[in-house]
Amino acid sequence: MNLTYAQWELIVWICLVYITWGLTDSIQAPFYPIEAEKKGANAAEYGIVFGIIHLSMFLSGPLFGKYMGHLGVYRVFIFGVICTALCGCLFGLLTFLPTTWSFLGVSYALRILEGVAEAGAWASVLTILSAEYKEHVTYAYSLTQASFGFAEILGPSIGGIMFEKGGFALPFEFSGILCLIIGTITIIRLPKLVETSLDSHETKQNPSEVFIILLKDPGVLLALVGTMFGAVCQGFIETFLEEYLAIFGLSVSQIGVSFLAMSVPYMISTPIWGYLVDSWVQPEYISPIGNILIATSLLLIGPIQYLSIPPSYALTEGGLALLGIGTAATLTATFALTQKHAVRRLPDLDEDGSSVISSLWTSAFALGNFLGPTVGGPLVDWLNFAGSTPILQIWALVMLITDILVLFWLARNPLVTRRKGPTRELYTRIE
């Protein structure tokens, strides 16, 4: 893979930033429910805290995509980094709020603000990746997502240990300050490592028109639905696995470490899927593999009630490993498919068009991470954890059937192919 030293350094710093974002998102998973229940909140109420950040990202992401050319990629990135770090630090002070609704209300407000910041930061980063790593954009993306996903599910392990050692505030101050330090260094290095302009400029393509064109394309929509599904699975498990694992008599730190069964396979497999998509395999073949793995994993996590298998910690951990590999495949494939179908509809995409694509994918990912905890809360209260996972399994099978139909259709109607020769673009239209 022919990347320059500057490109490798850039991806390292971006991956480190994504790790800090993943920590600020997830570090509270094993102990925030404990604190919330002490304040008098139930699962449906504190489940929203986990999901509302992603609703905020979903709603604000398209706005950053539309106005990125006016705001400037660099300024949006700075705003995202600083604001995310401050929200992380302020979250640690929630323990001093005395009532249920003051605790929940400030939690909601901070997560909404953090969601706006991360939507801008993610859109700016994906715009930079699209411009700097054109023929390797899926691989570069997969490295950032591996970093984020690993940190997002490693976060509960760190959070559980820190909570037991230093109380509610320590995990949040750690993640917030780390985000600020790594983010500041990246802000300083970024202008020296990128070739494209990071300043605001006049838009060449109308972002509103690009949004409309892409959202009318069935291929783009299907890719975004697949992105949303993968994120729903991650968000649901991250939020409610702690409650289920409690039946095995585990400590808070042991519950946190249990999340590694999903995060390590996710971290390892995401770059592998990204390399395969960039070099060997069309993403249409990766997506059904991911959905098969997800459907299989949901048989074991719980385990699913209709199998009449008694709860088993070993089976649950094995299911988490399959889920990590499956969601890695799904999210990597849908990112590539979003790019691929966008090229088919808009072959002359410029930086502004790339910002729109980045914001659409970010919004779909965020919507899934919102729906997983938020809709999952009432479902878990009603059906319990093991009774809720069949719903995700049905969705996985629907996505798998759709993937198979798409493969049959594309076999007769090829639309885009990989470019050959020295060009840096990954896909080109078949005329």
Protein backbone atom coordinates (compact mmCIF):
# COMPACT_ATOMS: atom_id res chain seq x y z
CA MET A 1 0.00 0.00 0.00
CA ASN A 2 1.76 3.15 -1.26
CA LEU A 3 1.16 5.77 1.42
CA THR A 4 3.52 8.63 2.18
CA TYR A 5 5.00 9.26 5.62
CA ALA A 6 2.63 12.22 6.06
CA GLN A 7 -0.36 10.03 5.22
CA TRP A 8 0.68 7.41 7.75
CA GLU A 9 1.25 10.05 10.43
CA LEU A 10 -2.11 11.63 9.64
CA ILE A 11 -3.98 8.34 10.00
CA VAL A 12 -2.21 7.62 13.30
CA TRP A 13 -3.32 10.94 14.80
CA ILE A 14 -6.85 10.56 13.46
CA CYS A 15 -7.05 7.05 14.91
CA LEU A 16 -5.86 8.34 18.30
CA VAL A 17 -8.54 11.04 18.20
CA TYR A 18 -11.18 8.43 17.39
CA ILE A 19 -10.00 6.38 20.37
CA THR A 20 -10.59 9.35 22.69
CA TRP A 21 -14.03 9.92 21.15
CA GLY A 22 -14.89 6.26 21.64
CA LEU A 23 -13.86 6.48 25.29
CA THR A 24 -15.94 9.59 25.98
CA ASP A 25 -18.94 7.90 24.34
CA SER A 26 -18.81 4.60 26.18
CA ILE A 27 -16.76 4.80 29.35
CA GLN A 28 -19.92 5.15 31.47
CA ALA A 29 -21.62 1.95 30.24
CA PRO A 30 -21.05 -0.33 33.30
CA PHE A 31 -21.58 2.26 36.04
CA TYR A 32 -23.82 5.07 34.75
CA PRO A 33 -26.92 2.82 35.13
CA ILE A 34 -25.91 2.18 38.74
CA GLU A 35 -25.63 5.90 39.48
CA ALA A 36 -28.85 6.66 37.57
CA GLU A 37 -30.79 4.04 39.52
CA LYS A 38 -29.45 5.50 42.78
CA LYS A 39 -30.95 8.81 41.62
CA GLY A 40 -34.30 7.06 40.99
CA ALA A 41 -34.18 6.64 37.16
CA ASN A 42 -35.36 3.50 35.34
CA ALA A 43 -33.89 1.76 32.25
CA ALA A 44 -36.10 3.60 29.76
CA GLU A 45 -35.07 6.99 31.21
CA TYR A 46 -31.33 6.43 31.44
CA GLY A 47 -31.29 4.46 28.16
CA ILE A 48 -32.07 7.76 26.42
CA VAL A 49 -28.81 9.18 27.81
CA PHE A 50 -26.88 6.55 25.85
CA GLY A 51 -28.85 7.17 22.67
CA ILE A 52 -29.56 10.89 22.60
CA ILE A 53 -26.00 11.78 21.62
CA HIS A 54 -26.54 9.83 18.42
CA LEU A 55 -29.91 11.48 17.75
CA SER A 56 -28.12 14.79 18.03
CA MET A 57 -25.45 13.56 15.58
CA PHE A 58 -28.14 12.32 13.21
CA LEU A 59 -29.95 15.68 13.14
CA SER A 60 -26.89 17.93 12.98
CA GLY A 61 -24.74 15.79 10.64
CA PRO A 62 -26.48 16.87 7.41
CA LEU A 63 -26.15 20.52 8.42
CA PHE A 64 -22.38 20.18 8.67
CA GLY A 65 -22.39 18.41 5.32
CA LYS A 66 -24.36 21.27 3.75
CA TYR A 67 -22.32 24.12 5.23
CA MET A 68 -18.86 22.52 5.49
CA GLY A 69 -17.63 24.57 2.53
CA HIS A 70 -18.60 27.81 4.30
CA LEU A 71 -17.43 26.83 7.78
CA GLY A 72 -14.15 25.21 6.77
CA VAL A 73 -13.07 21.65 7.53
CA TYR A 74 -10.36 22.77 9.97
CA ARG A 75 -12.59 25.04 12.04
CA VAL A 76 -15.29 22.36 12.28
CA PHE A 77 -12.68 19.83 13.42
CA ILE A 78 -11.39 22.20 16.12
CA PHE A 79 -14.92 22.83 17.38
CA GLY A 80 -15.65 19.10 17.51
CA VAL A 81 -12.48 18.21 19.43
CA ILE A 82 -12.68 20.98 22.06
CA CYS A 83 -16.40 20.68 22.70
CA THR A 84 -16.29 16.87 23.02
CA ALA A 85 -13.48 17.12 25.58
CA LEU A 86 -15.30 19.72 27.66
CA CYS A 87 -18.54 17.72 27.67
CA GLY A 88 -16.62 14.66 28.83
CA CYS A 89 -15.12 16.52 31.77
CA LEU A 90 -18.42 18.15 32.79
CA PHE A 91 -20.17 14.77 32.80
CA GLY A 92 -18.14 13.73 35.82
CA LEU A 93 -19.79 16.47 37.89
CA LEU A 94 -23.29 14.99 37.47
CA THR A 95 -22.89 12.93 40.63
CA PHE A 96 -23.27 16.12 42.68
CA LEU A 97 -26.77 16.83 41.34
CA PRO A 98 -29.30 15.82 43.99
CA THR A 99 -32.54 14.98 42.14
CA THR A 100 -33.50 12.48 39.46
CA TRP A 101 -34.48 15.01 36.84
CA SER A 102 -31.61 17.42 37.45
CA PHE A 103 -29.26 14.44 36.99
CA LEU A 104 -31.06 13.23 33.85
CA GLY A 105 -31.73 16.71 32.43
CA VAL A 106 -28.08 17.80 32.54
CA SER A 107 -27.08 14.37 31.22
CA TYR A 108 -29.37 14.87 28.21
CA ALA A 109 -28.10 18.42 27.61
CA LEU A 110 -24.42 17.45 27.70
CA ARG A 111 -24.96 14.47 25.41
CA ILE A 112 -26.89 16.61 22.90
CA LEU A 113 -24.06 19.16 22.80
CA GLU A 114 -21.49 16.38 22.53
CA GLY A 115 -23.48 14.88 19.64
CA VAL A 116 -23.40 18.16 17.71
CA ALA A 117 -19.64 18.40 18.29
CA GLU A 118 -18.98 14.82 17.20
CA ALA A 119 -21.18 15.17 14.10
CA GLY A 120 -19.03 18.05 12.94
CA ALA A 121 -15.80 16.30 13.87
CA TRP A 122 -16.77 13.04 12.12
CA ALA A 123 -17.94 14.82 8.97
CA SER A 124 -14.73 16.86 8.81
CA VAL A 125 -12.53 13.79 9.32
CA LEU A 126 -14.34 11.71 6.69
CA THR A 127 -14.06 14.62 4.26
CA ILE A 128 -10.31 14.73 4.86
CA LEU A 129 -10.01 10.95 4.43
CA SER A 130 -11.96 11.06 1.15
CA ALA A 131 -9.63 13.72 -0.19
CA GLU A 132 -6.30 12.37 1.11
CA TYR A 133 -6.73 8.59 0.67
CA LYS A 134 -8.83 8.37 -2.48
CA GLU A 135 -7.83 4.92 -3.70
CA HIS A 136 -7.44 3.64 -0.14
CA VAL A 137 -10.33 5.52 1.49
CA THR A 138 -12.13 2.36 2.68
CA TYR A 139 -8.96 1.05 4.32
CA ALA A 140 -8.28 4.43 5.97
CA TYR A 141 -11.88 4.56 7.13
CA SER A 142 -11.66 1.02 8.50
CA LEU A 143 -8.63 1.95 10.63
CA THR A 144 -10.49 4.89 12.18
CA GLN A 145 -13.59 2.78 12.80
CA ALA A 146 -11.49 -0.01 14.32
CA SER A 147 -9.99 2.57 16.67
CA PHE A 148 -13.36 4.06 17.56
CA GLY A 149 -15.10 0.71 17.92
CA PHE A 150 -12.32 -0.74 20.04
CA ALA A 151 -12.30 2.29 22.33
CA GLU A 152 -16.09 2.42 22.48
CA ILE A 153 -16.27 -1.11 23.83
CA LEU A 154 -12.94 -0.96 25.70
CA GLY A 155 -14.36 2.11 27.46
CA PRO A 156 -16.64 0.06 29.75
CA SER A 157 -13.65 -2.00 30.92
CA ILE A 158 -11.66 1.12 31.80
CA GLY A 159 -14.73 2.84 33.20
CA GLY A 160 -15.65 -0.07 35.44
CA ILE A 161 -12.16 -0.30 36.93
CA MET A 162 -11.86 3.48 37.43
CA PHE A 163 -15.35 3.67 38.96
CA GLU A 164 -14.42 1.04 41.54
CA LYS A 165 -11.13 2.82 42.33
CA GLY A 166 -12.10 6.50 42.15
CA GLY A 167 -15.86 6.92 41.96
CA PHE A 168 -18.17 8.41 39.34
CA ALA A 169 -16.09 11.45 38.34
CA LEU A 170 -12.70 9.82 37.66
CA PRO A 171 -13.56 7.98 34.40
CA PHE A 172 -15.07 11.10 32.84
CA GLU A 173 -12.19 13.39 33.80
CA PHE A 174 -9.73 10.85 32.44
CA SER A 175 -11.46 10.52 29.07
CA GLY A 176 -12.17 14.25 28.72
CA ILE A 177 -8.60 15.36 29.48
CA LEU A 178 -7.16 12.64 27.21
CA CYS A 179 -9.47 13.82 24.41
CA LEU A 180 -8.27 17.39 24.90
CA ILE A 181 -4.55 16.49 24.86
CA ILE A 182 -4.67 14.20 21.80
CA GLY A 183 -7.06 16.53 19.99
CA THR A 184 -4.89 19.58 20.55
CA ILE A 185 -1.79 17.84 19.17
CA THR A 186 -3.79 16.71 16.12
CA ILE A 187 -5.11 20.25 15.57
CA ILE A 188 -1.53 21.52 15.51
CA ARG A 189 -0.27 18.79 13.14
CA LEU A 190 -3.24 18.65 10.77
CA PRO A 191 -2.41 21.62 8.48
CA LYS A 192 1.11 20.23 7.94
CA LEU A 193 -0.07 16.74 6.96
CA VAL A 194 -2.86 17.34 4.42
CA GLU A 195 -2.59 18.46 0.82
CA THR A 196 -6.18 19.69 0.39
CA SER A 197 -7.41 23.05 1.62
CA LEU A 198 -8.83 23.11 5.15
CA ASP A 199 -10.23 26.64 4.83
CA SER A 200 -13.72 27.71 3.90
CA HIS A 201 -14.38 28.25 0.19
CA GLU A 202 -17.12 28.82 -2.29
CA THR A 203 -19.07 25.64 -2.90
CA LYS A 204 -18.82 24.28 -6.45
CA GLN A 205 -21.67 21.81 -6.10
CA ASN A 206 -24.95 22.67 -4.44
CA PRO A 207 -25.01 20.49 -1.28
CA SER A 208 -28.82 20.53 -1.17
CA GLU A 209 -29.00 19.13 -4.70
CA VAL A 210 -26.40 16.48 -3.86
CA PHE A 211 -28.44 15.43 -0.79
CA ILE A 212 -31.60 15.06 -2.86
CA ILE A 213 -29.88 13.12 -5.65
CA LEU A 214 -28.21 10.68 -3.26
CA LEU A 215 -31.27 10.13 -1.08
CA LYS A 216 -33.32 9.24 -4.16
CA ASP A 217 -30.84 6.51 -5.13
CA PRO A 218 -31.91 3.02 -3.92
CA GLY A 219 -28.30 1.83 -3.67
CA VAL A 220 -27.30 4.71 -1.39
CA LEU A 221 -30.41 4.25 0.74
CA LEU A 222 -29.79 0.52 1.13
CA ALA A 223 -26.19 1.16 2.16
CA LEU A 224 -27.34 3.72 4.74
CA VAL A 225 -29.95 1.30 6.14
CA GLY A 226 -27.20 -1.33 6.47
CA THR A 227 -25.06 1.21 8.31
CA MET A 228 -27.95 1.99 10.63
CA PHE A 229 -28.53 -1.72 11.32
CA GLY A 230 -24.89 -2.38 12.27
CA ALA A 231 -24.96 0.62 14.60
CA VAL A 232 -28.28 -0.49 16.16
CA CYS A 233 -26.70 -3.82 17.10
CA GLN A 234 -23.67 -2.14 18.64
CA GLY A 235 -25.72 0.45 20.54
CA PHE A 236 -28.19 -2.09 21.92
CA ILE A 237 -25.49 -4.46 23.18
CA GLU A 238 -23.36 -1.68 24.64
CA THR A 239 -26.30 -0.32 26.63
CA PHE A 240 -28.08 -3.42 27.93
CA LEU A 241 -25.44 -6.14 28.09
CA GLU A 242 -24.42 -4.96 31.57
CA GLU A 243 -27.92 -5.64 32.91
CA TYR A 244 -27.94 -9.16 31.44
CA LEU A 245 -24.42 -10.08 32.60
CA ALA A 246 -25.43 -9.26 36.18
CA ILE A 247 -27.15 -12.68 36.37
CA PHE A 248 -23.70 -14.32 36.38
CA GLY A 249 -22.70 -12.53 39.60
CA LEU A 250 -19.89 -10.50 38.00
CA SER A 251 -18.35 -7.39 39.54
CA VAL A 252 -18.51 -4.04 37.74
CA SER A 253 -14.93 -4.41 36.50
CA GLN A 254 -15.57 -7.99 35.32
CA ILE A 255 -18.63 -6.83 33.40
CA GLY A 256 -16.52 -4.11 31.81
CA VAL A 257 -13.83 -6.61 30.79
CA SER A 258 -16.53 -8.85 29.26
CA PHE A 259 -17.12 -6.20 26.59
CA LEU A 260 -13.64 -7.01 25.24
CA ALA A 261 -15.07 -10.18 23.69
CA MET A 262 -16.72 -7.92 21.13
CA SER A 263 -14.22 -5.07 20.91
CA VAL A 264 -11.07 -7.09 20.22
CA PRO A 265 -12.54 -9.03 17.24
CA TYR A 266 -14.03 -5.76 15.97
CA MET A 267 -10.67 -4.00 16.19
CA ILE A 268 -8.79 -6.80 14.45
CA SER A 269 -11.30 -7.57 11.71
CA THR A 270 -12.27 -4.04 10.64
CA PRO A 271 -8.92 -3.23 8.94
CA ILE A 272 -8.95 -6.70 7.37
CA TRP A 273 -12.41 -6.08 5.86
CA GLY A 274 -11.24 -2.62 4.74
CA TYR A 275 -8.18 -4.05 3.01
CA LEU A 276 -10.26 -6.74 1.30
CA VAL A 277 -12.77 -4.18 0.02
CA ASP A 278 -10.02 -1.88 -1.27
CA SER A 279 -7.95 -4.63 -2.88
CA TRP A 280 -9.78 -7.87 -3.58
CA VAL A 281 -13.51 -8.14 -2.88
CA GLN A 282 -16.45 -5.99 -3.93
CA PRO A 283 -18.38 -4.67 -0.90
CA GLU A 284 -21.59 -6.35 -2.15
CA TYR A 285 -20.03 -9.68 -1.12
CA ILE A 286 -18.82 -8.46 2.30
CA SER A 287 -22.21 -7.13 3.40
CA PRO A 288 -24.08 -10.50 3.38
CA ILE A 289 -21.18 -12.15 5.23
CA GLY A 290 -21.56 -9.54 7.94
CA ASN A 291 -25.30 -10.07 8.21
CA ILE A 292 -24.87 -13.85 8.44
CA LEU A 293 -22.39 -13.42 11.30
CA ILE A 294 -24.71 -10.96 13.09
CA ALA A 295 -27.72 -13.30 12.76
CA THR A 296 -25.64 -16.20 14.08
CA SER A 297 -24.25 -14.20 16.99
CA LEU A 298 -27.74 -13.27 18.14
CA LEU A 299 -28.51 -16.97 18.62
CA LEU A 300 -25.85 -17.10 21.34
CA ILE A 301 -26.06 -13.72 23.09
CA GLY A 302 -28.72 -14.30 25.70
CA PRO A 303 -29.02 -17.00 24.38
CA ILE A 304 -32.07 -16.53 22.20
CA GLN A 305 -35.17 -17.80 23.98
CA TYR A 306 -36.68 -20.04 21.31
CA LEU A 307 -33.63 -22.36 21.47
CA SER A 308 -34.43 -23.19 25.12
CA ILE A 309 -30.72 -23.09 26.00
CA PRO A 310 -29.95 -22.01 29.59
CA PRO A 311 -27.98 -18.76 30.00
CA SER A 312 -24.25 -19.30 29.59
CA TYR A 313 -21.46 -16.79 30.04
CA ALA A 314 -19.25 -18.69 27.57
CA LEU A 315 -21.95 -18.72 24.87
CA THR A 316 -22.59 -15.03 25.40
CA GLU A 317 -18.90 -14.19 25.02
CA GLY A 318 -18.69 -16.32 21.86
CA GLY A 319 -21.71 -14.52 20.44
CA LEU A 320 -20.12 -11.16 21.22
CA ALA A 321 -17.01 -12.16 19.26
CA LEU A 322 -19.11 -13.08 16.21
CA LEU A 323 -21.07 -9.85 16.57
CA GLY A 324 -17.85 -7.81 16.60
CA ILE A 325 -16.63 -9.44 13.38
CA GLY A 326 -20.07 -9.18 11.76
CA THR A 327 -20.67 -5.52 12.53
CA ALA A 328 -17.14 -4.73 11.34
CA ALA A 329 -17.94 -6.37 8.00
CA THR A 330 -21.32 -4.66 7.69
CA LEU A 331 -20.12 -1.14 8.53
CA THR A 332 -17.04 -1.40 6.30
CA ALA A 333 -19.10 -2.70 3.37
CA THR A 334 -21.83 -0.08 3.72
CA PHE A 335 -19.29 2.75 3.86
CA ALA A 336 -17.76 1.51 0.60
CA LEU A 337 -21.20 0.99 -0.94
CA THR A 338 -22.25 4.54 -0.06
CA GLN A 339 -19.15 5.86 -1.86
CA LYS A 340 -19.66 3.47 -4.77
CA HIS A 341 -23.29 4.36 -5.47
CA ALA A 342 -22.56 8.06 -5.01
CA VAL A 343 -19.95 7.82 -7.78
CA ARG A 344 -22.53 6.15 -10.00
CA ARG A 345 -24.99 9.01 -9.55
CA LEU A 346 -22.46 11.87 -9.32
CA PRO A 347 -19.25 10.93 -11.15
CA ASP A 348 -17.72 14.41 -10.76
CA LEU A 349 -17.95 14.76 -7.00
CA ASP A 350 -15.76 17.49 -5.52
CA GLU A 351 -14.83 18.16 -1.88
CA ASP A 352 -18.28 19.56 -1.12
CA GLY A 353 -19.95 16.45 -2.51
CA SER A 354 -17.61 14.31 -0.40
CA SER A 355 -18.69 16.27 2.69
CA VAL A 356 -22.31 15.46 1.89
CA ILE A 357 -21.55 11.74 1.56
CA SER A 358 -19.57 11.80 4.81
CA SER A 359 -22.37 13.53 6.67
CA LEU A 360 -25.01 11.11 5.32
CA TRP A 361 -23.01 8.09 6.45
CA THR A 362 -22.31 9.72 9.83
CA SER A 363 -26.02 10.48 10.27
CA ALA A 364 -27.03 6.89 9.42
CA PHE A 365 -24.47 5.52 11.87
CA ALA A 366 -25.66 7.95 14.54
CA LEU A 367 -29.34 7.14 13.97
CA GLY A 368 -28.61 3.45 14.51
CA ASN A 369 -26.71 4.18 17.70
CA PHE A 370 -29.68 6.24 18.87
CA LEU A 371 -32.34 3.65 18.06
CA GLY A 372 -30.42 0.77 19.68
CA PRO A 373 -30.45 2.16 23.25
CA THR A 374 -33.64 4.26 23.00
CA VAL A 375 -36.01 1.72 21.45
CA GLY A 376 -34.16 -1.06 23.22
CA GLY A 377 -34.98 0.36 26.66
CA PRO A 378 -38.75 -0.22 26.50
CA LEU A 379 -38.17 -3.57 24.71
CA VAL A 380 -35.88 -4.81 27.47
CA ASP A 381 -38.37 -3.66 30.12
CA TRP A 382 -41.15 -5.53 28.26
CA LEU A 383 -39.43 -8.64 26.84
CA ASN A 384 -36.15 -8.70 28.85
CA PHE A 385 -32.74 -8.83 27.17
CA ALA A 386 -32.93 -12.34 25.67
CA GLY A 387 -36.47 -11.71 24.44
CA SER A 388 -35.40 -8.58 22.55
CA THR A 389 -32.55 -10.05 20.50
CA PRO A 390 -34.87 -12.01 18.11
CA ILE A 391 -36.06 -8.66 16.73
CA LEU A 392 -32.49 -7.82 15.70
CA GLN A 393 -32.10 -11.30 14.27
CA ILE A 394 -35.17 -10.84 12.04
CA TRP A 395 -33.74 -7.54 10.82
CA ALA A 396 -30.42 -9.27 10.05
CA LEU A 397 -32.22 -11.91 7.96
CA VAL A 398 -34.15 -9.21 6.06
CA MET A 399 -30.86 -7.42 5.29
CA LEU A 400 -29.30 -10.74 4.19
CA ILE A 401 -32.16 -11.49 1.79
CA THR A 402 -31.88 -7.96 0.37
CA ASP A 403 -28.12 -8.39 -0.09
CA ILE A 404 -28.65 -11.63 -2.01
CA LEU A 405 -31.23 -9.99 -4.28
CA VAL A 406 -28.82 -7.12 -4.95
CA LEU A 407 -26.07 -9.60 -5.91
CA PHE A 408 -28.37 -11.32 -8.40
CA TRP A 409 -29.42 -7.96 -9.87
CA LEU A 410 -25.85 -6.63 -10.15
CA ALA A 411 -24.74 -9.83 -11.88
CA ARG A 412 -26.98 -8.77 -14.76
CA ASN A 413 -26.57 -5.00 -14.44
CA PRO A 414 -23.02 -3.97 -13.44
CA LEU A 415 -22.97 -0.26 -12.68
CA VAL A 416 -19.50 0.65 -11.44
CA THR A 417 -16.13 -1.02 -11.40
CA ARG A 418 -12.70 -0.47 -9.94
CA ARG A 419 -10.48 1.96 -11.78
CA LYS A 420 -7.26 0.71 -13.36
CA GLY A 421 -4.08 2.65 -13.89
CA PRO A 422 -2.51 5.55 -11.98
CA THR A 423 -5.73 7.38 -11.03
CA ARG A 424 -6.39 7.80 -7.30
CA GLU A 425 -10.15 7.21 -7.53
CA LEU A 426 -11.38 3.83 -6.32
CA TYR A 427 -14.51 3.43 -8.49
CA THR A 428 -15.66 4.60 -11.89
CA ARG A 429 -18.97 4.37 -13.74
CA ILE A 430 -19.56 1.82 -16.47
CA GLU A 431 -20.92 3.80 -19.39
